[in-house]
Amino acid sequence: RSSVAARAFSLGAWARWPPGDCALRAPAAASVTSAASATSAASAAGWALARSRYISVQAEPTPNPDSVMFHPGSRPVLGEGTKTIRFTNKYDTADSPLAAAIFKVKGVSEVLLASWHVTVTKVPSVDWDLVSPNVELVIGQFYAAGLQVIKDGVAQRDEAASTPVYEPGSIEASIVELLEERVRPFVQQDGGDVEFHHFDHDGGVVHLRMHGACSGCPKSNVTLQFGIKNLMEHYIPEVKEVVPVEDDEELARPSASSM
């Protein structure tokens, strides 16, 4: 009897063990399934959040083969009515985190921030196939992170510093007004900008500084001579010639008070 009883106990224990084992393992399996579901849900939520923050950046060519305009979707850069800000090297970008980020792309030589776009100029030795995708990635990630394009007060400070007050009715005041109303809006559409430097009364020469896509563009001379010059001569008879001021020219801007 003892042998039969022992065998019966052994078989009974074996028969009861699988259900018990399954019962013990079931919570662990459920825990794994629950964790996997949570991970999947988190991944889906993260992907949805990433998609909601994704910024599509469009690249637009300009008349200058070394300059391209980049539009961060429908997001503003500096905002409507703000004067463009130009950066010619990575060491002067302390006021603009966006410009500093773009200069980290190899081949970038200049960054021009405008109201609704960024004009990036590259060195001639590097192809856009290498530069453009990286610039688009940098701008897209920058906006997706919600970072600030420029520091507070920089746009207002730069505009006040670069806009001398000329005597009303003077030739200089007329030139600046004409540039603001008839020239700059159209030049900015091509990714560039133009800034009044000074007027030479003796020769009737207007000196302008070209920025962005207009700087170094093969067609900039055509814009100056057949566009801006004709417009200036029509509205301001004292103007006889329009010439660009190059960056390497050590030509100081005469102060408004001396005119």
Protein backbone atom coordinates (compact mmCIF):
# COMPACT_ATOMS: atom_id res chain seq x y z
CA ARG A 1 0.00 0.00 0.00
CA SER A 2 2.70 2.40 0.85
CA SER A 3 4.26 1.87 -2.57
CA VAL A 4 0.93 2.41 -4.36
CA ALA A 5 0.13 5.40 -2.19
CA ALA A 6 3.51 6.93 -2.89
CA ARG A 7 3.06 6.39 -6.59
CA ALA A 8 -0.45 7.86 -6.46
CA PHE A 9 0.86 10.89 -4.57
CA SER A 10 3.65 11.32 -7.09
CA LEU A 11 1.22 11.17 -10.03
CA GLY A 12 -1.20 13.47 -8.24
CA ALA A 13 1.52 15.99 -7.51
CA TRP A 14 2.68 15.87 -11.13
CA ALA A 15 -0.91 16.28 -12.35
CA ARG A 16 -1.47 19.30 -10.13
CA TRP A 17 1.86 20.96 -10.85
CA PRO A 18 1.35 22.12 -14.46
CA PRO A 19 -1.80 24.13 -13.63
CA GLY A 20 -0.08 25.60 -10.65
CA ASP A 21 3.01 26.40 -12.71
CA CYS A 22 0.90 28.03 -15.41
CA ALA A 23 -0.90 30.00 -12.77
CA LEU A 24 2.39 31.23 -11.41
CA ARG A 25 3.77 32.01 -14.85
CA ALA A 26 0.65 33.74 -16.12
CA PRO A 27 1.25 37.04 -14.29
CA ALA A 28 4.81 37.17 -15.64
CA ALA A 29 3.55 36.59 -19.19
CA ALA A 30 0.88 39.23 -18.68
CA SER A 31 3.53 41.59 -17.33
CA VAL A 32 5.67 41.09 -20.45
CA THR A 33 2.66 41.62 -22.72
CA SER A 34 1.69 44.73 -20.77
CA ALA A 35 5.23 46.11 -20.97
CA ALA A 36 5.36 45.43 -24.71
CA SER A 37 2.02 47.20 -25.16
CA ALA A 38 3.21 50.16 -23.12
CA THR A 39 6.42 50.35 -25.14
CA SER A 40 4.47 50.17 -28.38
CA ALA A 41 2.07 52.87 -27.18
CA ALA A 42 4.97 55.07 -26.08
CA SER A 43 6.69 54.59 -29.41
CA ALA A 44 3.48 55.46 -31.26
CA ALA A 45 2.99 58.52 -29.08
CA GLY A 46 6.61 59.56 -29.64
CA TRP A 47 6.26 59.09 -33.38
CA ALA A 48 3.04 61.11 -33.41
CA LEU A 49 4.73 63.86 -31.40
CA ALA A 50 7.74 63.82 -33.71
CA ARG A 51 5.45 64.05 -36.73
CA SER A 52 3.56 66.97 -35.17
CA ARG A 53 6.85 68.77 -34.59
CA TYR A 54 8.39 67.91 -37.95
CA ILE A 55 9.16 70.99 -40.00
CA SER A 56 9.38 70.62 -43.76
CA VAL A 57 12.08 72.93 -45.11
CA GLN A 58 11.90 73.94 -48.78
CA ALA A 59 14.99 75.02 -50.72
CA GLU A 60 14.54 77.62 -53.45
CA PRO A 61 17.28 78.60 -55.92
CA THR A 62 18.26 82.22 -56.47
CA PRO A 63 19.90 84.05 -59.39
CA ASN A 64 23.18 83.53 -57.53
CA PRO A 65 24.38 79.92 -58.06
CA ASP A 66 26.13 79.99 -54.68
CA SER A 67 23.06 81.14 -52.70
CA VAL A 68 19.85 79.28 -51.88
CA MET A 69 16.76 80.38 -49.94
CA PHE A 70 15.42 78.01 -47.28
CA HIS A 71 11.81 78.31 -46.11
CA PRO A 72 10.93 76.66 -42.75
CA GLY A 73 7.39 75.73 -43.78
CA SER A 74 4.95 78.46 -42.80
CA ARG A 75 7.06 79.52 -39.82
CA PRO A 76 8.53 83.06 -39.77
CA VAL A 77 12.25 83.62 -39.43
CA LEU A 78 12.55 87.23 -38.26
CA GLY A 79 8.93 88.09 -38.87
CA GLU A 80 7.19 90.57 -41.13
CA GLY A 81 8.61 94.10 -41.26
CA THR A 82 11.95 93.19 -39.67
CA LYS A 83 15.21 94.26 -41.26
CA THR A 84 17.39 91.41 -42.54
CA ILE A 85 20.38 90.36 -40.45
CA ARG A 86 23.54 89.14 -42.12
CA PHE A 87 26.28 86.90 -40.71
CA THR A 88 29.50 86.47 -42.66
CA ASN A 89 31.34 84.07 -40.34
CA LYS A 90 30.67 81.69 -37.47
CA TYR A 91 32.43 83.89 -34.93
CA ASP A 92 29.83 86.68 -35.15
CA THR A 93 26.76 84.50 -34.57
CA ALA A 94 26.43 84.97 -30.79
CA ASP A 95 23.15 86.85 -31.30
CA SER A 96 21.55 84.12 -33.43
CA PRO A 97 21.44 80.46 -32.38
CA LEU A 98 19.99 79.58 -35.80
CA ALA A 99 22.83 81.22 -37.73
CA ALA A 100 25.36 79.55 -35.41
CA ALA A 101 23.77 76.15 -36.10
CA ILE A 102 23.78 76.66 -39.88
CA PHE A 103 27.45 77.66 -39.85
CA LYS A 104 28.26 74.22 -38.46
CA VAL A 105 27.46 72.83 -41.92
CA LYS A 106 30.66 72.48 -43.92
CA GLY A 107 30.83 74.85 -46.90
CA VAL A 108 28.59 77.63 -45.55
CA SER A 109 30.13 81.08 -45.99
CA GLU A 110 27.23 83.45 -45.22
CA VAL A 111 23.79 83.41 -43.60
CA LEU A 112 21.13 86.06 -44.20
CA LEU A 113 18.06 85.98 -41.96
CA ALA A 114 14.98 87.56 -43.52
CA SER A 115 11.30 87.83 -42.63
CA TRP A 116 10.20 84.41 -43.89
CA HIS A 117 13.32 82.71 -45.19
CA VAL A 118 17.02 82.11 -44.63
CA THR A 119 19.45 82.74 -47.48
CA VAL A 120 22.54 80.55 -47.21
CA THR A 121 25.59 81.23 -49.35
CA LYS A 122 28.23 78.54 -49.80
CA VAL A 123 31.84 78.57 -50.90
CA PRO A 124 32.20 77.92 -54.68
CA SER A 125 34.32 74.81 -54.15
CA VAL A 126 31.51 72.84 -52.47
CA ASP A 127 28.47 71.47 -54.30
CA TRP A 128 24.91 72.11 -53.15
CA ASP A 129 24.25 68.35 -53.20
CA LEU A 130 26.41 68.17 -50.08
CA VAL A 131 25.36 71.42 -48.40
CA SER A 132 21.61 71.68 -48.99
CA PRO A 133 20.44 68.45 -47.26
CA ASN A 134 22.45 69.31 -44.15
CA VAL A 135 21.14 72.88 -44.02
CA GLU A 136 17.57 71.62 -44.40
CA LEU A 137 18.14 69.11 -41.58
CA VAL A 138 19.62 71.75 -39.27
CA ILE A 139 16.81 74.25 -39.87
CA GLY A 140 14.11 71.57 -39.54
CA GLN A 141 15.51 70.25 -36.24
CA PHE A 142 16.02 73.79 -34.95
CA TYR A 143 12.38 74.74 -35.49
CA ALA A 144 11.09 71.36 -34.28
CA ALA A 145 12.92 71.95 -30.99
CA GLY A 146 11.20 75.33 -30.62
CA LEU A 147 14.45 77.28 -30.31
CA GLN A 148 14.76 81.05 -30.65
CA VAL A 149 16.08 82.36 -33.98
CA ILE A 150 17.69 85.46 -32.51
CA LYS A 151 18.07 86.79 -28.99
CA ASP A 152 15.54 89.28 -27.69
CA GLY A 153 16.15 92.87 -28.73
CA VAL A 154 18.77 92.07 -31.38
CA ALA A 155 16.60 92.96 -34.38
CA GLN A 156 15.58 96.28 -32.87
CA ARG A 157 19.15 97.10 -31.85
CA ASP A 158 20.62 96.32 -35.27
CA GLU A 159 17.90 98.23 -37.10
CA ALA A 160 18.42 101.33 -34.98
CA ALA A 161 22.20 101.14 -35.42
CA SER A 162 22.07 100.68 -39.21
CA THR A 163 19.41 103.26 -40.02
CA PRO A 164 20.81 106.80 -39.85
CA VAL A 165 18.26 109.57 -39.63
CA TYR A 166 18.59 111.88 -42.62
CA GLU A 167 17.18 115.37 -42.89
CA PRO A 168 13.67 115.25 -44.39
CA GLY A 169 13.70 116.32 -48.02
CA SER A 170 17.42 115.57 -48.47
CA ILE A 171 18.71 113.45 -51.33
CA GLU A 172 19.78 110.75 -48.88
CA ALA A 173 16.30 110.59 -47.33
CA SER A 174 14.76 110.27 -50.79
CA ILE A 175 17.16 107.48 -51.75
CA VAL A 176 16.43 105.52 -48.56
CA GLU A 177 12.67 105.93 -49.04
CA LEU A 178 12.88 104.73 -52.62
CA LEU A 179 14.98 101.73 -51.62
CA GLU A 180 12.55 100.76 -48.86
CA GLU A 181 9.41 101.07 -50.97
CA ARG A 182 10.47 100.10 -54.50
CA VAL A 183 13.70 98.11 -54.35
CA ARG A 184 14.20 96.05 -51.18
CA PRO A 185 10.89 94.11 -51.33
CA PHE A 186 11.73 92.80 -54.81
CA VAL A 187 15.39 92.12 -54.06
CA GLN A 188 14.43 90.14 -50.95
CA GLN A 189 12.17 87.92 -53.03
CA ASP A 190 15.32 86.66 -54.76
CA GLY A 191 17.06 85.93 -51.45
CA GLY A 192 19.10 89.12 -51.26
CA ASP A 193 18.98 92.59 -49.79
CA VAL A 194 20.36 96.03 -50.51
CA GLU A 195 21.50 98.67 -48.05
CA PHE A 196 22.20 102.35 -48.64
CA HIS A 197 25.79 103.24 -47.77
CA HIS A 198 26.22 106.84 -48.84
CA PHE A 199 25.69 109.37 -51.63
CA ASP A 200 28.55 111.22 -53.32
CA HIS A 201 27.16 114.69 -54.06
CA ASP A 202 30.09 115.70 -56.28
CA GLY A 203 29.64 112.89 -58.79
CA GLY A 204 26.01 112.02 -58.11
CA VAL A 205 27.01 108.47 -57.19
CA VAL A 206 24.90 106.25 -54.93
CA HIS A 207 26.90 103.62 -53.04
CA LEU A 208 24.96 100.51 -52.07
CA ARG A 209 25.93 97.40 -50.16
CA MET A 210 24.53 94.14 -51.54
CA HIS A 211 23.68 91.26 -49.20
CA GLY A 212 22.71 87.62 -49.44
CA ALA A 213 22.11 86.29 -52.94
CA CYS A 214 22.88 89.74 -54.38
CA SER A 215 26.41 89.71 -53.01
CA GLY A 216 28.75 88.24 -55.58
CA CYS A 217 25.92 87.36 -57.93
CA PRO A 218 26.85 87.48 -61.64
CA LYS A 219 23.57 89.32 -62.32
CA SER A 220 23.94 91.90 -59.54
CA ASN A 221 25.55 94.41 -61.89
CA VAL A 222 22.52 94.13 -64.18
CA THR A 223 20.25 94.72 -61.20
CA LEU A 224 22.24 97.79 -60.23
CA GLN A 225 22.63 99.38 -63.64
CA PHE A 226 19.35 98.54 -65.35
CA GLY A 227 17.07 98.20 -62.36
CA ILE A 228 18.06 100.36 -59.41
CA LYS A 229 19.93 103.01 -61.41
CA ASN A 230 17.06 103.62 -63.85
CA LEU A 231 14.63 103.87 -60.95
CA MET A 232 16.86 106.28 -59.04
CA GLU A 233 17.47 108.50 -62.08
CA HIS A 234 13.75 108.66 -62.79
CA TYR A 235 12.70 109.78 -59.30
CA ILE A 236 15.89 111.54 -58.14
CA PRO A 237 17.55 113.54 -60.98
CA GLU A 238 20.64 114.19 -58.86
CA VAL A 239 21.59 110.50 -59.11
CA LYS A 240 23.93 109.80 -62.03
CA GLU A 241 25.40 106.44 -61.10
CA VAL A 242 24.89 103.50 -58.75
CA VAL A 243 27.83 101.38 -57.59
CA PRO A 244 28.25 98.54 -55.09
CA VAL A 245 30.38 98.76 -51.96
CA GLU A 246 32.46 95.60 -51.58
CA ASP A 247 33.13 94.05 -48.19
CA ASP A 248 36.86 94.46 -48.53
CA GLU A 249 36.61 98.18 -49.25
CA GLU A 250 37.65 100.28 -46.28
CA LEU A 251 35.07 102.93 -46.94
CA ALA A 252 33.47 104.50 -43.88
CA ARG A 253 29.82 105.47 -44.06
CA PRO A 254 29.46 109.25 -43.68
CA SER A 255 27.34 110.15 -40.70
CA ALA A 256 23.93 111.69 -41.27
CA SER A 257 24.93 114.79 -39.31
CA SER A 258 27.77 115.53 -41.73
CA MET A 259 25.46 115.59 -44.73
